[in-house]
Protein backbone atom coordinates (compact mmCIF):
# COMPACT_ATOMS: atom_id res chain seq x y z
CA MET A 1 0.00 0.00 0.00
CA THR A 2 1.27 3.46 -0.82
CA ASP A 3 1.24 6.47 1.45
CA SER A 4 -2.03 8.28 0.70
CA THR A 5 -0.28 11.62 0.98
CA SER A 6 1.70 10.66 -2.11
CA ILE A 7 -1.41 10.16 -4.29
CA ASP A 8 -1.60 12.75 -7.06
CA THR A 9 -5.11 14.21 -7.03
CA ARG A 10 -4.70 15.90 -10.43
CA PHE A 11 -5.44 12.63 -12.19
CA THR A 12 -8.81 12.10 -13.85
CA LEU A 13 -10.54 8.77 -14.31
CA ASN A 14 -9.36 8.91 -17.92
CA ASP A 15 -5.74 9.41 -16.81
CA ILE A 16 -6.02 6.39 -14.53
CA GLU A 17 -7.75 4.14 -17.05
CA VAL A 18 -5.48 4.96 -19.99
CA GLY A 19 -2.40 5.28 -17.77
CA SER A 20 -2.85 1.74 -16.46
CA ARG A 21 -3.06 0.46 -20.05
CA LEU A 22 0.05 2.45 -21.00
CA TYR A 23 1.84 0.88 -18.05
CA GLU A 24 1.05 -2.58 -19.45
CA ALA A 25 2.18 -1.53 -22.93
CA LEU A 26 5.40 -0.01 -21.57
CA VAL A 27 6.21 -3.18 -19.63
CA ARG A 28 5.66 -5.27 -22.76
CA HIS A 29 7.81 -2.85 -24.79
CA ALA A 30 10.59 -2.70 -22.16
CA GLN A 31 10.81 -6.47 -22.02
CA ALA A 32 10.81 -6.86 -25.81
CA THR A 33 13.34 -4.10 -26.55
CA GLN A 34 15.59 -4.05 -23.47
CA GLY A 35 14.39 -0.55 -22.60
CA ALA A 36 14.46 1.19 -25.98
CA PRO A 37 12.42 4.40 -26.31
CA ILE A 38 9.00 4.39 -27.99
CA VAL A 39 7.26 7.45 -29.47
CA TYR A 40 3.94 8.50 -27.94
CA GLY A 41 1.86 7.52 -30.97
CA ASP A 42 3.45 4.06 -31.19
CA LEU A 43 2.93 3.55 -27.45
CA LEU A 44 -0.77 4.38 -27.81
CA ALA A 45 -1.00 2.05 -30.81
CA LEU A 46 0.55 -0.75 -28.74
CA ALA A 47 -1.86 -0.13 -25.84
CA LYS A 48 -4.78 -0.13 -28.30
CA SER A 49 -3.61 -3.41 -29.84
CA LEU A 50 -3.34 -5.00 -26.39
CA HIS A 51 -6.85 -3.81 -25.44
CA PRO A 52 -8.95 -3.70 -28.63
CA GLU A 53 -12.23 -3.91 -26.68
CA ASP A 54 -11.44 -1.03 -24.29
CA PRO A 55 -13.30 2.06 -25.59
CA VAL A 56 -11.42 4.45 -23.30
CA VAL A 57 -8.05 3.34 -24.66
CA GLN A 58 -9.35 3.30 -28.23
CA ARG A 59 -10.34 6.99 -27.90
CA ALA A 60 -6.93 8.06 -26.52
CA VAL A 61 -4.85 10.49 -28.60
CA PRO A 62 -1.18 11.51 -28.27
CA VAL A 63 -1.93 15.06 -27.11
CA GLY A 64 -3.41 13.66 -23.90
CA ILE A 65 -0.58 11.28 -23.07
CA GLY A 66 1.23 13.54 -20.59
CA MET A 67 -0.97 12.96 -17.55
CA LYS A 68 -1.24 9.27 -18.37
CA LEU A 69 2.56 8.98 -18.34
CA LEU A 70 2.64 10.91 -15.06
CA PHE A 71 0.27 8.26 -13.68
CA VAL A 72 2.76 5.55 -14.75
CA GLU A 73 5.62 7.55 -13.24
CA ALA A 74 3.69 8.06 -9.98
CA PHE A 75 2.97 4.32 -9.72
CA CYS A 76 6.64 3.51 -10.27
CA ARG A 77 7.80 6.16 -7.78
CA SER A 78 5.31 5.02 -5.10
CA HIS A 79 6.78 1.51 -5.22
CA SER A 80 10.44 2.52 -5.74
CA TYR A 81 10.49 1.05 -9.26
CA PRO A 82 12.52 2.56 -12.10
CA ASN A 83 10.62 5.24 -14.05
CA LEU A 84 9.02 3.14 -16.78
CA ALA A 85 7.49 6.28 -18.32
CA CYS A 86 10.99 7.40 -19.35
CA LEU A 87 10.71 5.16 -22.42
CA ALA A 88 7.92 7.28 -23.95
CA VAL A 89 9.34 10.01 -26.18
CA ASN A 90 8.29 12.82 -28.49
CA LYS A 91 8.33 11.89 -32.18
CA LEU A 92 10.26 15.00 -33.22
CA THR A 93 12.88 15.17 -30.46
CA LEU A 94 13.08 11.46 -29.59
CA THR A 95 13.35 12.49 -25.94
CA PRO A 96 10.84 12.66 -23.08
CA GLY A 97 8.86 15.87 -22.60
CA PRO A 98 10.72 18.97 -21.39
CA GLY A 99 9.37 18.47 -17.86
CA TYR A 100 11.24 15.18 -17.51
CA ILE A 101 13.37 15.07 -14.39
CA GLY A 102 16.19 12.61 -13.99
CA ASP A 103 19.11 11.05 -15.80
CA TRP A 104 17.38 9.67 -18.89
CA GLU A 105 20.16 7.28 -19.91
CA ALA A 106 20.47 5.87 -16.39
CA ASP A 107 16.68 5.60 -16.10
CA LYS A 108 16.46 3.64 -19.37
CA ARG A 109 19.16 1.24 -18.16
CA ALA A 110 17.34 0.75 -14.84
CA VAL A 111 14.06 0.05 -16.66
CA ALA A 112 15.76 -2.51 -18.91
CA ALA A 113 17.38 -4.31 -15.96
CA PHE A 114 14.27 -4.41 -13.73
CA ASP A 115 12.09 -7.53 -13.37
CA TRP A 116 8.67 -6.04 -14.19
CA SER A 117 6.85 -9.34 -13.63
CA THR A 118 6.83 -8.66 -9.88
CA ALA A 119 5.37 -5.17 -10.29
CA ASP A 120 2.18 -6.07 -12.15
CA ALA A 121 0.45 -7.46 -9.07
CA ARG A 122 0.67 -4.09 -7.29
CA LEU A 123 -1.01 -2.04 -10.03
CA PRO A 124 -4.67 -2.87 -9.18
CA ALA A 125 -4.25 -1.74 -5.56
CA TYR A 126 -2.57 1.48 -6.70
CA ILE A 127 -5.39 2.15 -9.18
CA SER A 128 -7.91 1.65 -6.38
CA GLU A 129 -6.04 4.08 -4.12
CA VAL A 130 -5.79 6.76 -6.79
CA ARG A 131 -9.48 6.37 -7.67
CA SER A 132 -10.43 6.72 -4.01
CA ALA A 133 -8.50 10.01 -3.85
CA LEU A 134 -10.59 11.51 -6.67
CA PRO A 135 -13.27 14.05 -5.77
CA LYS A 136 -16.44 12.21 -4.75
CA LYS A 137 -18.81 14.23 -6.92
CA ILE A 138 -17.42 13.63 -10.38
CA LYS A 139 -20.01 14.05 -13.11
CA ARG A 140 -19.09 11.46 -15.69
CA ARG A 141 -20.72 11.98 -19.07
CA LYS A 142 -21.60 9.82 -22.03
CA GLU A 143 -19.86 10.72 -25.28
CA ASN A 144 -22.87 12.47 -26.83
CA GLU A 145 -23.42 14.56 -23.70
CA ALA A 146 -19.72 15.49 -23.63
CA ASP A 147 -19.96 16.51 -27.31
CA GLU A 148 -22.93 18.77 -26.51
CA VAL A 149 -21.19 20.32 -23.50
CA TRP A 150 -18.08 21.00 -25.63
CA TRP A 151 -20.11 22.43 -28.51
CA THR A 152 -21.87 24.87 -26.16
CA TYR A 153 -18.58 25.93 -24.58
CA PHE A 154 -16.83 26.17 -27.96
CA ASN A 155 -19.55 28.43 -29.39
CA ALA A 156 -19.38 30.74 -26.39
CA ASN A 157 -15.56 30.84 -26.36
CA ARG A 158 -14.43 30.61 -29.98
CA SER A 159 -11.37 32.82 -29.56
CA ALA A 160 -10.08 30.75 -26.63
CA CYS A 161 -10.61 27.60 -28.73
CA ALA A 162 -9.01 28.91 -31.92
CA GLN A 163 -5.95 26.63 -31.68
CA VAL A 164 -7.90 23.44 -30.87
CA THR A 165 -7.18 20.65 -33.38
CA ALA A 166 -9.21 17.50 -34.03
CA ASP A 167 -6.95 15.48 -31.69
CA ASP A 168 -7.23 18.22 -29.06
CA LYS A 169 -11.01 18.01 -29.31
CA GLU A 170 -10.88 14.21 -28.88
CA GLU A 171 -8.86 14.59 -25.68
CA ILE A 172 -11.17 17.37 -24.44
CA ILE A 173 -14.14 15.05 -25.01
CA ASN A 174 -12.27 12.29 -23.13
CA LEU A 175 -11.73 14.65 -20.21
CA LEU A 176 -15.35 15.83 -20.26
CA MET A 177 -16.44 12.18 -20.18
CA ALA A 178 -14.14 11.72 -17.16
CA GLY A 179 -15.90 14.55 -15.33
CA LEU A 180 -13.93 17.74 -15.98
CA ASP A 181 -15.68 20.95 -16.91
CA PRO A 182 -14.96 22.38 -20.39
CA ALA A 183 -12.69 25.21 -19.25
CA ALA A 184 -10.55 22.85 -17.16
CA ALA A 185 -10.41 20.29 -19.99
CA LEU A 186 -9.32 22.96 -22.48
CA GLU A 187 -6.70 24.28 -20.06
CA GLN A 188 -5.31 20.78 -19.45
CA VAL A 189 -5.09 19.97 -23.16
CA LEU A 190 -3.40 23.27 -24.02
CA ALA A 191 -0.93 22.77 -21.15
CA ALA A 192 -0.21 19.23 -22.38
CA LYS A 193 0.44 20.52 -25.91
CA ALA A 194 2.83 23.12 -24.54
CA GLU A 195 4.77 20.52 -22.54
CA PHE A 196 4.55 17.37 -24.66
CA GLY A 197 3.73 18.65 -28.14
CA ASN A 198 1.24 16.91 -30.39
CA GLU A 199 3.16 13.65 -30.72
């Protein structure tokens, strides 16, 4: 069990759900490649191929990967595992996002040398802990309701939404479905683009 004071309350249900699937994909990738990097889009494609029936994972887009990787990093940190999220890199720079802290080369070596088979059993308990730390009154939405909420917000705030791409909109809808309000979802997506880029 992790110390509840270490639980990151910025995570949404979407971050937890997709993050746990990215963890599985990263473990598979680390074992198959001895810790080689993988670009965000390829990581999402791997997670989608491992979970073809999971609609939350199937909707995931690269622009939203930042918080999901932070979920993976938080899980690893809470159990004193190497930072598995270090393997995920930007397509253009082939390095982790600019907010990455640590010695990347040493972290990759540690990930490659670690026996990840012992870590898998601890993920469900961590997911449960992080979910229990979420605000109790989250208003989850169905996709069509999230689309309507976004459309209303978009029409009232066109100038603030001028830079929103199709992938950005997909991630905003994902966040609205996870319970965020439109302004917070837009802010999170724009912040993710600034830190992680589009891919």
